Amino acid sequence: MTGVIVVWVLAAVAAVLVGILAPEDWRAAWMGVGMGLIVPVAFAVQLWSGRSQGFIQRVALSVIGGLLVMGFIGVGLGLATLFSA
């Protein structure tokens, strides 16, 4: 379960970095790139744990959780951009 939470934290860090570094017009595209990078990271983290039982479930939970974390942060960034203008 620790590996799943690590992937979620990495997804949050990636989303915040996209929010800080990417121009407003390109944030959605860079969120997709960030999510694309979370998938192999989740796979690698779960392989590194060395446990074979429940591997597919842990990878799926990592990826779906990362998607939700990045989605919530993306919605927050979108609303912040909308109301800051």
N, C-alpha and C. Protein backbone atom coordinates (compact mmCIF):
# COMPACT_ATOMS: atom_id res chain seq x y z
N MET A 1 0.83 -1.20 0.00
CA MET A 1 0.00 0.00 0.00
C MET A 1 0.86 1.25 0.00
N THR A 2 2.06 1.15 0.53
CA THR A 2 2.95 2.31 0.55
C THR A 2 3.32 2.74 -0.86
N GLY A 3 3.53 1.78 -1.76
CA GLY A 3 3.86 2.10 -3.14
C GLY A 3 2.74 2.85 -3.83
N VAL A 4 1.50 2.51 -3.51
CA VAL A 4 0.34 3.19 -4.10
C VAL A 4 0.34 4.65 -3.67
N ILE A 5 0.56 4.89 -2.41
CA ILE A 5 0.55 6.26 -1.89
C ILE A 5 1.72 7.06 -2.45
N VAL A 6 2.86 6.41 -2.65
CA VAL A 6 4.01 7.08 -3.26
C VAL A 6 3.66 7.57 -4.66
N VAL A 7 2.98 6.74 -5.43
CA VAL A 7 2.59 7.14 -6.78
C VAL A 7 1.60 8.29 -6.73
N TRP A 8 0.67 8.27 -5.79
CA TRP A 8 -0.29 9.38 -5.66
C TRP A 8 0.43 10.68 -5.33
N VAL A 9 1.41 10.61 -4.45
CA VAL A 9 2.17 11.82 -4.09
C VAL A 9 2.96 12.33 -5.30
N LEU A 10 3.56 11.42 -6.05
CA LEU A 10 4.27 11.82 -7.26
C LEU A 10 3.33 12.45 -8.29
N ALA A 11 2.11 11.94 -8.38
CA ALA A 11 1.12 12.53 -9.28
C ALA A 11 0.76 13.94 -8.83
N ALA A 12 0.62 14.13 -7.53
CA ALA A 12 0.32 15.47 -7.02
C ALA A 12 1.47 16.43 -7.29
N VAL A 13 2.69 15.98 -7.09
CA VAL A 13 3.85 16.82 -7.37
C VAL A 13 3.92 17.17 -8.86
N ALA A 14 3.66 16.19 -9.71
CA ALA A 14 3.67 16.44 -11.16
C ALA A 14 2.60 17.44 -11.55
N ALA A 15 1.41 17.33 -10.98
CA ALA A 15 0.33 18.26 -11.31
C ALA A 15 0.65 19.67 -10.84
N VAL A 16 1.23 19.80 -9.66
CA VAL A 16 1.61 21.12 -9.16
C VAL A 16 2.71 21.73 -10.02
N LEU A 17 3.67 20.91 -10.42
CA LEU A 17 4.73 21.41 -11.29
C LEU A 17 4.18 21.86 -12.64
N VAL A 18 3.23 21.12 -13.18
CA VAL A 18 2.59 21.54 -14.42
C VAL A 18 1.88 22.87 -14.20
N GLY A 19 1.20 23.00 -13.09
CA GLY A 19 0.50 24.25 -12.79
C GLY A 19 1.44 25.43 -12.65
N ILE A 20 2.62 25.20 -12.15
CA ILE A 20 3.59 26.28 -11.95
C ILE A 20 4.36 26.59 -13.23
N LEU A 21 4.80 25.56 -13.93
CA LEU A 21 5.73 25.75 -15.04
C LEU A 21 5.08 25.90 -16.41
N ALA A 22 3.92 25.30 -16.62
CA ALA A 22 3.31 25.31 -17.96
C ALA A 22 2.51 26.59 -18.16
N PRO A 23 2.55 27.13 -19.38
CA PRO A 23 1.68 28.27 -19.69
C PRO A 23 0.21 27.86 -19.60
N GLU A 24 -0.66 28.82 -19.32
CA GLU A 24 -2.07 28.50 -19.11
C GLU A 24 -2.70 27.77 -20.29
N ASP A 25 -2.33 28.12 -21.50
CA ASP A 25 -2.91 27.48 -22.68
C ASP A 25 -2.47 26.04 -22.85
N TRP A 26 -1.37 25.65 -22.26
CA TRP A 26 -0.80 24.32 -22.45
C TRP A 26 -0.95 23.42 -21.23
N ARG A 27 -1.60 23.88 -20.18
CA ARG A 27 -1.69 23.07 -18.96
C ARG A 27 -2.39 21.74 -19.17
N ALA A 28 -3.49 21.75 -19.92
CA ALA A 28 -4.23 20.50 -20.14
C ALA A 28 -3.37 19.48 -20.88
N ALA A 29 -2.62 19.94 -21.86
CA ALA A 29 -1.75 19.03 -22.61
C ALA A 29 -0.65 18.47 -21.72
N TRP A 30 -0.07 19.31 -20.88
CA TRP A 30 1.00 18.85 -20.01
C TRP A 30 0.47 17.96 -18.89
N MET A 31 -0.79 18.12 -18.50
CA MET A 31 -1.38 17.20 -17.52
C MET A 31 -1.45 15.79 -18.12
N GLY A 32 -1.78 15.72 -19.41
CA GLY A 32 -1.80 14.42 -20.09
C GLY A 32 -0.42 13.79 -20.14
N VAL A 33 0.59 14.62 -20.39
CA VAL A 33 1.97 14.12 -20.40
C VAL A 33 2.36 13.63 -19.00
N GLY A 34 1.99 14.40 -17.99
CA GLY A 34 2.29 14.00 -16.61
C GLY A 34 1.62 12.68 -16.25
N MET A 35 0.37 12.51 -16.68
CA MET A 35 -0.32 11.26 -16.40
C MET A 35 0.32 10.12 -17.17
N GLY A 36 0.77 10.40 -18.38
CA GLY A 36 1.47 9.37 -19.15
C GLY A 36 2.75 8.91 -18.48
N LEU A 37 3.39 9.81 -17.74
CA LEU A 37 4.59 9.43 -17.00
C LEU A 37 4.28 8.70 -15.71
N ILE A 38 3.10 8.93 -15.15
CA ILE A 38 2.72 8.26 -13.91
C ILE A 38 2.51 6.76 -14.14
N VAL A 39 2.03 6.38 -15.31
CA VAL A 39 1.74 4.96 -15.58
C VAL A 39 2.99 4.09 -15.47
N PRO A 40 4.11 4.42 -16.17
CA PRO A 40 5.29 3.57 -15.99
C PRO A 40 5.92 3.69 -14.60
N VAL A 41 5.76 4.86 -13.97
CA VAL A 41 6.27 5.01 -12.60
C VAL A 41 5.51 4.08 -11.66
N ALA A 42 4.19 4.01 -11.82
CA ALA A 42 3.38 3.10 -10.99
C ALA A 42 3.81 1.66 -11.20
N PHE A 43 4.02 1.30 -12.45
CA PHE A 43 4.46 -0.06 -12.78
C PHE A 43 5.81 -0.35 -12.12
N ALA A 44 6.75 0.60 -12.24
CA ALA A 44 8.09 0.39 -11.68
C ALA A 44 8.07 0.32 -10.15
N VAL A 45 7.27 1.17 -9.53
CA VAL A 45 7.20 1.16 -8.06
C VAL A 45 6.63 -0.17 -7.57
N GLN A 46 5.61 -0.68 -8.25
CA GLN A 46 5.03 -1.95 -7.82
C GLN A 46 5.95 -3.13 -8.12
N LEU A 47 6.73 -3.04 -9.19
CA LEU A 47 7.73 -4.09 -9.45
C LEU A 47 8.82 -4.06 -8.38
N TRP A 48 9.19 -2.87 -7.98
CA TRP A 48 10.26 -2.71 -7.00
C TRP A 48 9.88 -3.30 -5.65
N SER A 49 8.59 -3.32 -5.34
CA SER A 49 8.16 -3.87 -4.05
C SER A 49 8.47 -5.36 -3.94
N GLY A 50 8.53 -6.05 -5.08
CA GLY A 50 8.92 -7.45 -5.07
C GLY A 50 7.81 -8.43 -4.70
N ARG A 51 6.60 -7.96 -4.55
CA ARG A 51 5.49 -8.86 -4.22
C ARG A 51 4.67 -9.11 -5.48
N SER A 52 4.42 -10.38 -5.78
CA SER A 52 3.66 -10.71 -6.98
C SER A 52 2.16 -10.77 -6.72
N GLN A 53 1.78 -11.07 -5.50
CA GLN A 53 0.36 -11.20 -5.21
C GLN A 53 -0.32 -9.83 -5.17
N GLY A 54 -1.35 -9.67 -5.97
CA GLY A 54 -2.08 -8.41 -6.02
C GLY A 54 -1.40 -7.34 -6.86
N PHE A 55 -0.47 -7.74 -7.71
CA PHE A 55 0.30 -6.78 -8.51
C PHE A 55 -0.61 -5.94 -9.41
N ILE A 56 -1.51 -6.59 -10.13
CA ILE A 56 -2.38 -5.89 -11.07
C ILE A 56 -3.29 -4.91 -10.31
N GLN A 57 -3.80 -5.34 -9.17
CA GLN A 57 -4.68 -4.46 -8.39
C GLN A 57 -3.92 -3.24 -7.88
N ARG A 58 -2.69 -3.45 -7.43
CA ARG A 58 -1.90 -2.32 -6.92
C ARG A 58 -1.55 -1.34 -8.03
N VAL A 59 -1.19 -1.86 -9.20
CA VAL A 59 -0.87 -0.97 -10.32
C VAL A 59 -2.13 -0.21 -10.74
N ALA A 60 -3.25 -0.90 -10.82
CA ALA A 60 -4.50 -0.24 -11.21
C ALA A 60 -4.90 0.82 -10.19
N LEU A 61 -4.77 0.51 -8.91
CA LEU A 61 -5.10 1.48 -7.87
C LEU A 61 -4.16 2.67 -7.91
N SER A 62 -2.90 2.43 -8.19
CA SER A 62 -1.93 3.52 -8.31
C SER A 62 -2.27 4.44 -9.47
N VAL A 63 -2.56 3.86 -10.62
CA VAL A 63 -2.83 4.66 -11.82
C VAL A 63 -4.16 5.41 -11.68
N ILE A 64 -5.20 4.74 -11.23
CA ILE A 64 -6.49 5.41 -11.09
C ILE A 64 -6.42 6.49 -10.02
N GLY A 65 -5.75 6.21 -8.92
CA GLY A 65 -5.57 7.23 -7.89
C GLY A 65 -4.77 8.41 -8.39
N GLY A 66 -3.71 8.13 -9.15
CA GLY A 66 -2.92 9.21 -9.74
C GLY A 66 -3.74 10.06 -10.69
N LEU A 67 -4.60 9.40 -11.48
CA LEU A 67 -5.49 10.12 -12.38
C LEU A 67 -6.44 11.03 -11.60
N LEU A 68 -7.02 10.52 -10.53
CA LEU A 68 -7.93 11.33 -9.72
C LEU A 68 -7.21 12.50 -9.05
N VAL A 69 -6.03 12.24 -8.52
CA VAL A 69 -5.26 13.31 -7.87
C VAL A 69 -4.93 14.41 -8.88
N MET A 70 -4.43 14.01 -10.05
CA MET A 70 -4.10 15.00 -11.07
C MET A 70 -5.35 15.71 -11.58
N GLY A 71 -6.45 14.99 -11.65
CA GLY A 71 -7.71 15.59 -12.09
C GLY A 71 -8.20 16.64 -11.11
N PHE A 72 -8.18 16.33 -9.82
CA PHE A 72 -8.63 17.31 -8.82
C PHE A 72 -7.74 18.55 -8.81
N ILE A 73 -6.45 18.34 -8.91
CA ILE A 73 -5.54 19.49 -8.95
C ILE A 73 -5.74 20.27 -10.23
N GLY A 74 -5.97 19.58 -11.34
CA GLY A 74 -6.23 20.25 -12.61
C GLY A 74 -7.50 21.08 -12.57
N VAL A 75 -8.55 20.55 -11.94
CA VAL A 75 -9.79 21.32 -11.78
C VAL A 75 -9.52 22.56 -10.93
N GLY A 76 -8.75 22.39 -9.87
CA GLY A 76 -8.40 23.54 -9.03
C GLY A 76 -7.62 24.59 -9.79
N LEU A 77 -6.69 24.14 -10.62
CA LEU A 77 -5.91 25.09 -11.43
C LEU A 77 -6.81 25.79 -12.45
N GLY A 78 -7.72 25.05 -13.05
CA GLY A 78 -8.65 25.64 -14.00
C GLY A 78 -9.55 26.68 -13.37
N LEU A 79 -10.07 26.36 -12.18
CA LEU A 79 -10.91 27.34 -11.48
C LEU A 79 -10.12 28.56 -11.03
N ALA A 80 -8.90 28.33 -10.61
CA ALA A 80 -8.05 29.47 -10.21
C ALA A 80 -7.76 30.36 -11.39
N THR A 81 -7.51 29.77 -12.56
CA THR A 81 -7.27 30.56 -13.77
C THR A 81 -8.54 31.30 -14.19
N LEU A 82 -9.67 30.64 -14.08
CA LEU A 82 -10.93 31.25 -14.47
C LEU A 82 -11.28 32.47 -13.62
N PHE A 83 -11.08 32.35 -12.31
CA PHE A 83 -11.47 33.43 -11.41
C PHE A 83 -10.37 34.45 -11.16
N SER A 84 -9.17 34.21 -11.66
CA SER A 84 -8.10 35.20 -11.45
C SER A 84 -8.14 36.29 -12.52
N ALA A 85 -8.80 36.03 -13.62
CA ALA A 85 -8.83 37.03 -14.71
C ALA A 85 -9.83 38.12 -14.47
